C-alpha atoms as a PDB file:
ATOM      1  CA  MET A   1     -11.843  -6.754 -18.454  1.00  0.00           C
ATOM      2  CA  PRO A   2      -8.113  -5.919 -18.153  1.00  0.00           C
ATOM      3  CA  ARG A   3      -7.374  -3.008 -15.786  1.00  0.00           C
ATOM      4  CA  PHE A   4      -4.421  -0.640 -16.103  1.00  0.00           C
ATOM      5  CA  TYR A   5      -3.094   2.258 -14.061  1.00  0.00           C
ATOM      6  CA  CYS A   6      -2.639   5.081 -16.565  1.00  0.00           C
ATOM      7  CA  PRO A   7      -1.153   8.262 -15.028  1.00  0.00           C
ATOM      8  CA  LEU A   8      -2.620  10.551 -17.684  1.00  0.00           C
ATOM      9  CA  PRO A   9      -5.631  12.903 -17.843  1.00  0.00           C
ATOM     10  CA  LEU A  10      -8.662  10.786 -18.772  1.00  0.00           C
ATOM     11  CA  SER A  11     -11.914  12.225 -20.125  1.00  0.00           C
ATOM     12  CA  ILE A  12     -14.809  10.768 -22.100  1.00  0.00           C
ATOM     13  CA  GLY A  13     -14.570  11.153 -25.869  1.00  0.00           C
ATOM     14  CA  THR A  14     -10.811  11.667 -26.077  1.00  0.00           C
ATOM     15  CA  THR A  15      -8.327   9.387 -27.816  1.00  0.00           C
ATOM     16  CA  ILE A  16      -4.991   8.887 -26.075  1.00  0.00           C
ATOM     17  CA  ALA A  17      -1.768   7.025 -26.760  1.00  0.00           C
ATOM     18  CA  LEU A  18      -1.127   4.601 -23.919  1.00  0.00           C
ATOM     19  CA  PRO A  19       2.199   4.544 -22.056  1.00  0.00           C
ATOM     20  CA  ASP A  20       4.701   2.057 -23.444  1.00  0.00           C
ATOM     21  CA  HIS A  21       4.373  -0.425 -20.577  1.00  0.00           C
ATOM     22  CA  ILE A  22       0.596  -0.647 -21.024  1.00  0.00           C
ATOM     23  CA  ALA A  23       0.979  -1.049 -24.796  1.00  0.00           C
ATOM     24  CA  HIS A  24       3.385  -3.917 -24.092  1.00  0.00           C
ATOM     25  CA  HIS A  25       0.858  -5.605 -21.767  1.00  0.00           C
ATOM     26  CA  ILE A  26      -1.860  -5.253 -24.395  1.00  0.00           C
ATOM     27  CA  HIS A  27       0.410  -6.901 -26.958  1.00  0.00           C
ATOM     28  CA  VAL A  28       1.252  -9.743 -24.531  1.00  0.00           C
ATOM     29  CA  LEU A  29      -2.454 -10.296 -23.781  1.00  0.00           C
ATOM     30  CA  ARG A  30      -3.140 -10.431 -27.536  1.00  0.00           C
ATOM     31  CA  LEU A  31      -5.967  -7.924 -27.270  1.00  0.00           C
ATOM     32  CA  ALA A  32      -7.527  -6.757 -30.534  1.00  0.00           C
ATOM     33  CA  ILE A  33      -8.792  -3.437 -31.883  1.00  0.00           C
ATOM     34  CA  GLY A  34     -12.314  -2.832 -30.609  1.00  0.00           C
ATOM     35  CA  GLU A  35     -11.828  -4.675 -27.312  1.00  0.00           C
ATOM     36  CA  ALA A  36     -12.503  -2.825 -24.059  1.00  0.00           C
ATOM     37  CA  ILE A  37     -10.114  -2.179 -21.190  1.00  0.00           C
ATOM     38  CA  THR A  38     -10.432  -0.313 -17.900  1.00  0.00           C
ATOM     39  CA  LEU A  39      -8.157   2.619 -17.081  1.00  0.00           C
ATOM     40  CA  PHE A  40      -7.711   4.535 -13.830  1.00  0.00           C
ATOM     41  CA  ASN A  41      -5.285   7.348 -13.041  1.00  0.00           C
ATOM     42  CA  GLY A  42      -5.459   7.420  -9.245  1.00  0.00           C
ATOM     43  CA  ASP A  43      -7.753  10.451  -9.042  1.00  0.00           C
ATOM     44  CA  GLY A  44     -10.752   8.266  -8.260  1.00  0.00           C
ATOM     45  CA  GLY A  45     -13.165   6.259 -10.352  1.00  0.00           C
ATOM     46  CA  GLU A  46     -12.348   4.377 -13.528  1.00  0.00           C
ATOM     47  CA  HIS A  47     -12.858   4.724 -17.273  1.00  0.00           C
ATOM     48  CA  THR A  48     -13.813   2.164 -19.885  1.00  0.00           C
ATOM     49  CA  ALA A  49     -11.868   2.575 -23.126  1.00  0.00           C
ATOM     50  CA  THR A  50     -11.895   0.860 -26.515  1.00  0.00           C
ATOM     51  CA  LEU A  51      -8.682  -0.020 -28.332  1.00  0.00           C
ATOM     52  CA  THR A  52      -8.419   1.951 -31.579  1.00  0.00           C
ATOM     53  CA  SER A  53      -4.908   0.978 -32.734  1.00  0.00           C
ATOM     54  CA  ILE A  54      -2.305  -1.601 -31.735  1.00  0.00           C
ATOM     55  CA  ASP A  55       1.171  -2.477 -32.914  1.00  0.00           C
ATOM     56  CA  ARG A  56       4.184  -4.067 -31.253  1.00  0.00           C
ATOM     57  CA  LYS A  57       5.197  -0.972 -29.284  1.00  0.00           C
ATOM     58  CA  ARG A  58       2.196   1.367 -29.364  1.00  0.00           C
ATOM     59  CA  ALA A  59      -1.506   1.334 -28.608  1.00  0.00           C
ATOM     60  CA  SER A  60      -4.243   3.950 -28.536  1.00  0.00           C
ATOM     61  CA  VAL A  61      -7.691   3.975 -26.990  1.00  0.00           C
ATOM     62  CA  GLU A  62     -10.840   6.058 -27.051  1.00  0.00           C
ATOM     63  CA  ILE A  63     -12.296   6.827 -23.624  1.00  0.00           C
ATOM     64  CA  LYS A  64     -15.946   5.761 -23.640  1.00  0.00           C
ATOM     65  CA  THR A  65     -17.437   5.885 -20.147  1.00  0.00           C
ATOM     66  CA  PHE A  66     -16.651   6.829 -16.548  1.00  0.00           C
ATOM     67  CA  SER A  67     -17.666   5.039 -13.355  1.00  0.00           C
ATOM     68  CA  PRO A  68     -17.183   6.594  -9.887  1.00  0.00           C
ATOM     69  CA  ARG A  69     -16.766   3.104  -8.374  1.00  0.00           C
ATOM     70  CA  GLU A  70     -14.539   2.993  -5.302  1.00  0.00           C
ATOM     71  CA  VAL A  71     -13.494   0.143  -2.994  1.00  0.00           C
ATOM     72  CA  GLU A  72     -11.550   2.220  -0.444  1.00  0.00           C
ATOM     73  CA  LEU A  73     -11.920   1.635   3.284  1.00  0.00           C
ATOM     74  CA  PRO A  74     -13.944   4.224   5.252  1.00  0.00           C
ATOM     75  CA  TYR A  75     -10.903   4.866   7.467  1.00  0.00           C
ATOM     76  CA  SER A  76      -7.196   5.411   6.834  1.00  0.00           C
ATOM     77  CA  MET A  77      -4.636   2.678   7.563  1.00  0.00           C
ATOM     78  CA  THR A  78      -0.911   3.427   7.377  1.00  0.00           C
ATOM     79  CA  LEU A  79       1.542   0.541   7.459  1.00  0.00           C
ATOM     80  CA  VAL A  80       4.785   1.730   9.078  1.00  0.00           C
ATOM     81  CA  GLN A  81       7.114  -1.103   8.146  1.00  0.00           C
ATOM     82  CA  ALA A  82      10.684  -1.414   9.390  1.00  0.00           C
ATOM     83  CA  LEU A  83      12.813  -2.379   6.399  1.00  0.00           C
ATOM     84  CA  PRO A  84      13.166  -6.183   6.134  1.00  0.00           C
ATOM     85  CA  GLU A  85      15.803  -8.221   4.344  1.00  0.00           C
ATOM     86  CA  GLY A  86      15.793  -9.169   0.666  1.00  0.00           C
ATOM     87  CA  SER A  87      12.609  -8.849  -1.352  1.00  0.00           C
ATOM     88  CA  LYS A  88      10.237  -9.180   1.619  1.00  0.00           C
ATOM     89  CA  MET A  89       9.224  -5.509   1.322  1.00  0.00           C
ATOM     90  CA  ASP A  90       7.910  -6.142  -2.197  1.00  0.00           C
ATOM     91  CA  TRP A  91       5.558  -8.818  -0.903  1.00  0.00           C
ATOM     92  CA  ILE A  92       4.510  -6.752   2.118  1.00  0.00           C
ATOM     93  CA  ILE A  93       3.631  -3.740  -0.043  1.00  0.00           C
ATOM     94  CA  GLU A  94       1.681  -5.822  -2.558  1.00  0.00           C
ATOM     95  CA  LYS A  95      -0.463  -7.469   0.109  1.00  0.00           C
ATOM     96  CA  ALA A  96      -0.926  -4.259   2.094  1.00  0.00           C
ATOM     97  CA  VAL A  97      -2.416  -2.625  -1.009  1.00  0.00           C
ATOM     98  CA  GLU A  98      -4.801  -5.557  -1.405  1.00  0.00           C
ATOM     99  CA  LEU A  99      -5.864  -5.229   2.249  1.00  0.00           C
ATOM    100  CA  GLY A 100      -6.679  -1.541   1.808  1.00  0.00           C
ATOM    101  CA  ALA A 101      -3.681   0.293   3.290  1.00  0.00           C
ATOM    102  CA  THR A 102      -3.902   3.973   2.360  1.00  0.00           C
ATOM    103  CA  ALA A 103      -0.244   4.752   3.045  1.00  0.00           C
ATOM    104  CA  ILE A 104       3.027   2.872   3.454  1.00  0.00           C
ATOM    105  CA  GLN A 105       5.920   4.280   5.470  1.00  0.00           C
ATOM    106  CA  PRO A 106       9.272   2.448   5.211  1.00  0.00           C
ATOM    107  CA  LEU A 107      11.182   2.802   8.476  1.00  0.00           C
ATOM    108  CA  ALA A 108      14.846   2.425   9.457  1.00  0.00           C
ATOM    109  CA  ALA A 109      14.945   0.827  12.919  1.00  0.00           C
ATOM    110  CA  GLN A 110      17.884  -0.207  15.074  1.00  0.00           C
ATOM    111  CA  ARG A 111      17.786  -3.912  14.150  1.00  0.00           C
ATOM    112  CA  CYS A 112      17.236  -3.352  10.424  1.00  0.00           C
ATOM    113  CA  VAL A 113      19.882  -5.149   8.392  1.00  0.00           C
ATOM    114  CA  VAL A 114      19.014  -3.148   5.272  1.00  0.00           C
ATOM    115  CA  ARG A 115      20.503   0.359   5.080  1.00  0.00           C
ATOM    116  CA  LEU A 116      19.510   2.422   2.062  1.00  0.00           C
ATOM    117  CA  SER A 117      21.782   5.068   0.569  1.00  0.00           C
ATOM    118  CA  ALA A 118      20.095   8.024  -1.130  1.00  0.00           C
ATOM    119  CA  GLU A 119      20.681   6.506  -4.578  1.00  0.00           C
ATOM    120  CA  ARG A 120      19.469   3.062  -3.563  1.00  0.00           C
ATOM    121  CA  ALA A 121      16.441   4.519  -1.780  1.00  0.00           C
ATOM    122  CA  ALA A 122      15.415   6.366  -4.954  1.00  0.00           C
ATOM    123  CA  LYS A 123      15.615   3.138  -6.978  1.00  0.00           C
ATOM    124  CA  LYS A 124      13.652   1.257  -4.331  1.00  0.00           C
ATOM    125  CA  MET A 125      10.942   3.934  -4.266  1.00  0.00           C
ATOM    126  CA  GLU A 126      10.511   3.686  -8.040  1.00  0.00           C
ATOM    127  CA  HIS A 127      10.334  -0.100  -7.798  1.00  0.00           C
ATOM    128  CA  TRP A 128       7.818  -0.001  -4.939  1.00  0.00           C
ATOM    129  CA  HIS A 129       5.633   2.493  -6.817  1.00  0.00           C
ATOM    130  CA  GLY A 130       5.403  -0.060  -9.619  1.00  0.00           C
ATOM    131  CA  ILE A 131       4.353  -2.767  -7.169  1.00  0.00           C
ATOM    132  CA  ILE A 132       1.652  -0.509  -5.717  1.00  0.00           C
ATOM    133  CA  ALA A 133       0.237   0.259  -9.166  1.00  0.00           C
ATOM    134  CA  ALA A 134       0.217  -3.407 -10.175  1.00  0.00           C
ATOM    135  CA  ALA A 135      -1.475  -4.439  -6.925  1.00  0.00           C
ATOM    136  CA  ALA A 136      -4.134  -1.747  -7.354  1.00  0.00           C
ATOM    137  CA  GLU A 137      -4.785  -2.957 -10.901  1.00  0.00           C
ATOM    138  CA  GLN A 138      -5.268  -6.512  -9.657  1.00  0.00           C
ATOM    139  CA  CYS A 139      -7.484  -5.847  -6.638  1.00  0.00           C
ATOM    140  CA  GLY A 140      -9.743  -3.216  -8.183  1.00  0.00           C
ATOM    141  CA  ARG A 141      -8.616  -0.110  -6.305  1.00  0.00           C
ATOM    142  CA  ASN A 142      -8.858   3.165  -8.199  1.00  0.00           C
ATOM    143  CA  ARG A 143      -6.671   5.163  -5.819  1.00  0.00           C
ATOM    144  CA  LEU A 144      -3.018   4.430  -5.127  1.00  0.00           C
ATOM    145  CA  PRO A 145      -1.757   4.292  -1.537  1.00  0.00           C
ATOM    146  CA  HIS A 146       0.752   7.000  -0.663  1.00  0.00           C
ATOM    147  CA  LEU A 147       4.344   5.771  -0.448  1.00  0.00           C
ATOM    148  CA  ALA A 148       6.366   7.925   1.940  1.00  0.00           C
ATOM    149  CA  GLU A 149      10.114   8.400   1.782  1.00  0.00           C
ATOM    150  CA  PRO A 150      12.041   6.070   4.135  1.00  0.00           C
ATOM    151  CA  ALA A 151      12.285   7.643   7.591  1.00  0.00           C
ATOM    152  CA  ASP A 152      14.359   7.092  10.724  1.00  0.00           C
ATOM    153  CA  PHE A 153      12.477   5.500  13.619  1.00  0.00           C
ATOM    154  CA  GLN A 154      13.429   8.128  16.195  1.00  0.00           C
ATOM    155  CA  GLU A 155      12.486  10.998  13.884  1.00  0.00           C
ATOM    156  CA  TRP A 156       9.188   9.426  12.842  1.00  0.00           C
ATOM    157  CA  ILE A 157       7.854   8.780  16.344  1.00  0.00           C
ATOM    158  CA  GLN A 158       8.442  12.433  17.278  1.00  0.00           C
ATOM    159  CA  GLN A 159       5.920  13.577  14.694  1.00  0.00           C
ATOM    160  CA  GLN A 160       2.654  14.911  16.036  1.00  0.00           C
ATOM    161  CA  ASN A 161      -0.229  12.841  14.669  1.00  0.00           C
ATOM    162  CA  LEU A 162      -3.923  13.248  15.388  1.00  0.00           C
ATOM    163  CA  HIS A 163      -4.721   9.588  14.740  1.00  0.00           C
ATOM    164  CA  ALA A 164      -3.858   6.456  16.697  1.00  0.00           C
ATOM    165  CA  ARG A 165      -0.370   4.989  16.351  1.00  0.00           C
ATOM    166  CA  ILE A 166       0.048   1.344  17.320  1.00  0.00           C
ATOM    167  CA  LEU A 167       3.284  -0.596  17.794  1.00  0.00           C
ATOM    168  CA  LEU A 168       2.956  -4.365  17.749  1.00  0.00           C
ATOM    169  CA  SER A 169       4.978  -6.164  20.410  1.00  0.00           C
ATOM    170  CA  PRO A 170       4.814  -9.648  21.981  1.00  0.00           C
ATOM    171  CA  ARG A 171       5.501  -7.905  25.299  1.00  0.00           C
ATOM    172  CA  ALA A 172       2.253  -5.914  25.179  1.00  0.00           C
ATOM    173  CA  GLU A 173      -0.497  -6.778  27.667  1.00  0.00           C
ATOM    174  CA  GLN A 174      -3.507  -5.673  25.582  1.00  0.00           C
ATOM    175  CA  SER A 175      -4.399  -7.268  22.257  1.00  0.00           C
ATOM    176  CA  LEU A 176      -5.064  -5.390  19.038  1.00  0.00           C
ATOM    177  CA  SER A 177      -8.460  -7.054  18.593  1.00  0.00           C
ATOM    178  CA  ASP A 178      -9.547  -6.105  22.133  1.00  0.00           C
ATOM    179  CA  TRP A 179      -8.507  -2.481  21.519  1.00  0.00           C
ATOM    180  CA  ALA A 180     -10.344  -2.412  18.192  1.00  0.00           C
ATOM    181  CA  ARG A 181     -13.557  -3.784  19.704  1.00  0.00           C
ATOM    182  CA  HIS A 182     -13.610  -0.891  22.195  1.00  0.00           C
ATOM    183  CA  HIS A 183     -12.828   1.857  19.671  1.00  0.00           C
ATOM    184  CA  PRO A 184     -14.796   2.987  16.617  1.00  0.00           C
ATOM    185  CA  PRO A 185     -13.258   2.674  13.140  1.00  0.00           C
ATOM    186  CA  GLN A 186     -10.661   5.418  12.792  1.00  0.00           C
ATOM    187  CA  ALA A 187      -7.370   6.376  11.163  1.00  0.00           C
ATOM    188  CA  VAL A 188      -4.550   4.130  12.389  1.00  0.00           C
ATOM    189  CA  ALA A 189      -0.797   3.873  11.800  1.00  0.00           C
ATOM    190  CA  MET A 190       0.602   0.386  12.480  1.00  0.00           C
ATOM    191  CA  LEU A 191       4.309   0.066  13.399  1.00  0.00           C
ATOM    192  CA  ILE A 192       5.931  -3.248  12.499  1.00  0.00           C
ATOM    193  CA  GLY A 193       9.453  -4.122  13.604  1.00  0.00           C
ATOM    194  CA  PRO A 194      12.213  -5.715  11.499  1.00  0.00           C
ATOM    195  CA  GLU A 195      13.578  -9.223  11.918  1.00  0.00           C
ATOM    196  CA  GLY A 196      14.264  -9.409  15.640  1.00  0.00           C
ATOM    197  CA  GLY A 197      11.614  -6.789  16.403  1.00  0.00           C
ATOM    198  CA  PHE A 198      11.967  -3.344  17.889  1.00  0.00           C
ATOM    199  CA  THR A 199      14.426  -2.964  20.767  1.00  0.00           C
ATOM    200  CA  GLU A 200      13.173  -2.310  24.284  1.00  0.00           C
ATOM    201  CA  GLN A 201      14.615   1.200  24.023  1.00  0.00           C
ATOM    202  CA  GLU A 202      12.651   1.839  20.829  1.00  0.00           C
ATOM    203  CA  GLU A 203       9.429   0.567  22.384  1.00  0.00           C
ATOM    204  CA  ASN A 204       9.947   2.796  25.435  1.00  0.00           C
ATOM    205  CA  ALA A 205      10.686   5.807  23.233  1.00  0.00           C
ATOM    206  CA  ALA A 206       7.538   5.136  21.210  1.00  0.00           C
ATOM    207  CA  SER A 207       5.446   4.954  24.391  1.00  0.00           C
ATOM    208  CA  ARG A 208       6.820   8.302  25.560  1.00  0.00           C
ATOM    209  CA  HIS A 209       5.569   9.819  22.298  1.00  0.00           C
ATOM    210  CA  GLY A 210       2.036   8.473  22.676  1.00  0.00           C
ATOM    211  CA  VAL A 211       2.331   5.285  20.624  1.00  0.00           C
ATOM    212  CA  LEU A 212       0.126   2.421  21.876  1.00  0.00           C
ATOM    213  CA  THR A 213       1.823  -0.961  22.373  1.00  0.00           C
ATOM    214  CA  LEU A 214      -0.459  -3.886  21.523  1.00  0.00           C
ATOM    215  CA  SER A 215      -0.040  -7.569  20.706  1.00  0.00           C
ATOM    216  CA  ILE A 216      -1.574  -9.877  18.093  1.00  0.00           C
ATOM    217  CA  GLY A 217      -1.302 -13.111  20.063  1.00  0.00           C
ATOM    218  CA  SER A 218       1.117 -15.345  21.882  1.00  0.00           C
ATOM    219  CA  ARG A 219       2.949 -16.474  18.742  1.00  0.00           C
ATOM    220  CA  VAL A 220       5.817 -14.383  17.378  1.00  0.00           C
ATOM    221  CA  LEU A 221       5.091 -13.645  13.728  1.00  0.00           C
ATOM    222  CA  ARG A 222       7.652 -12.868  11.064  1.00  0.00           C
ATOM    223  CA  THR A 223       7.938  -9.230  10.029  1.00  0.00           C
ATOM    224  CA  GLU A 224       6.359 -10.001   6.639  1.00  0.00           C
ATOM    225  CA  THR A 225       3.386 -11.635   8.403  1.00  0.00           C
ATOM    226  CA  ALA A 226       2.730  -9.370  11.384  1.00  0.00           C
ATOM    227  CA  GLY A 227       1.639  -6.192   9.619  1.00  0.00           C
ATOM    228  CA  LEU A 228      -0.637  -7.981   7.175  1.00  0.00           C
ATOM    229  CA  ALA A 229      -2.233  -9.999   9.977  1.00  0.00           C
ATOM    230  CA  ALA A 230      -2.822  -6.782  11.919  1.00  0.00           C
ATOM    231  CA  LEU A 231      -4.422  -4.995   8.957  1.00  0.00           C
ATOM    232  CA  ALA A 232      -6.680  -7.978   8.326  1.00  0.00           C
ATOM    233  CA  ALA A 233      -7.614  -8.191  12.009  1.00  0.00           C
ATOM    234  CA  LEU A 234      -8.612  -4.534  12.149  1.00  0.00           C
ATOM    235  CA  ASN A 235     -10.699  -4.871   8.999  1.00  0.00           C
ATOM    236  CA  ALA A 236     -12.422  -7.923  10.448  1.00  0.00           C
ATOM    237  CA  VAL A 237     -13.259  -6.295  13.788  1.00  0.00           C
ATOM    238  CA  TRP A 238     -14.416  -3.084  12.109  1.00  0.00           C
ATOM    239  CA  GLY A 239     -16.646  -4.934   9.667  1.00  0.00           C
ATOM    240  CA  GLN A 240     -14.683  -4.553   6.435  1.00  0.00           C
ATOM    241  CA  ILE A 241     -13.936  -8.281   6.009  1.00  0.00           C
END
């Protein structure tokens, strides 16, 4: 059954006009009046709806049932990703949603090649929101991960957080998997460096602010690989994969 993120109030028995982009998808999929689709609005759970009208640019549905089904992890995982080059961030965000990340924090680090102006950052945020919604539709999540505004590395590490913050570095002596085996499942923020990694000064500054420095093996992974491998590793150790 096709699934769509529909940021509208949804309640059983009501008939609603679908947003234009969903109506377009329905037209592309060649769905017919009377067929069922699944809608979710990010508040939790999902609704089954029946198509009541379709034309080239519009579609309406009647909300039939509600299911409280959730596939969220029992702990929070924040991916703190230093901005990579090109379209790598699109891929990272998509896969992080599939792996269960509950929040994504873009980060401006010293070795980041990408520098976002206010106008460009706003356009990127809108684009990334679309990727998050599409990934949630595909993987069956009914809640959208939070996308934070891009932050500066030095400002972000000075924040006071109650949960564990982990910076991945090939220079670390303890491995992420070893740390996870000796700690119960819990909220975690995972810091991933840009191409070239975090500088030694950044790693030292992070340590002074209580950030743990851990490794994920002897091989140096690309920035678009490291965070996803770390999220998967944590889920595996903590029994969610």
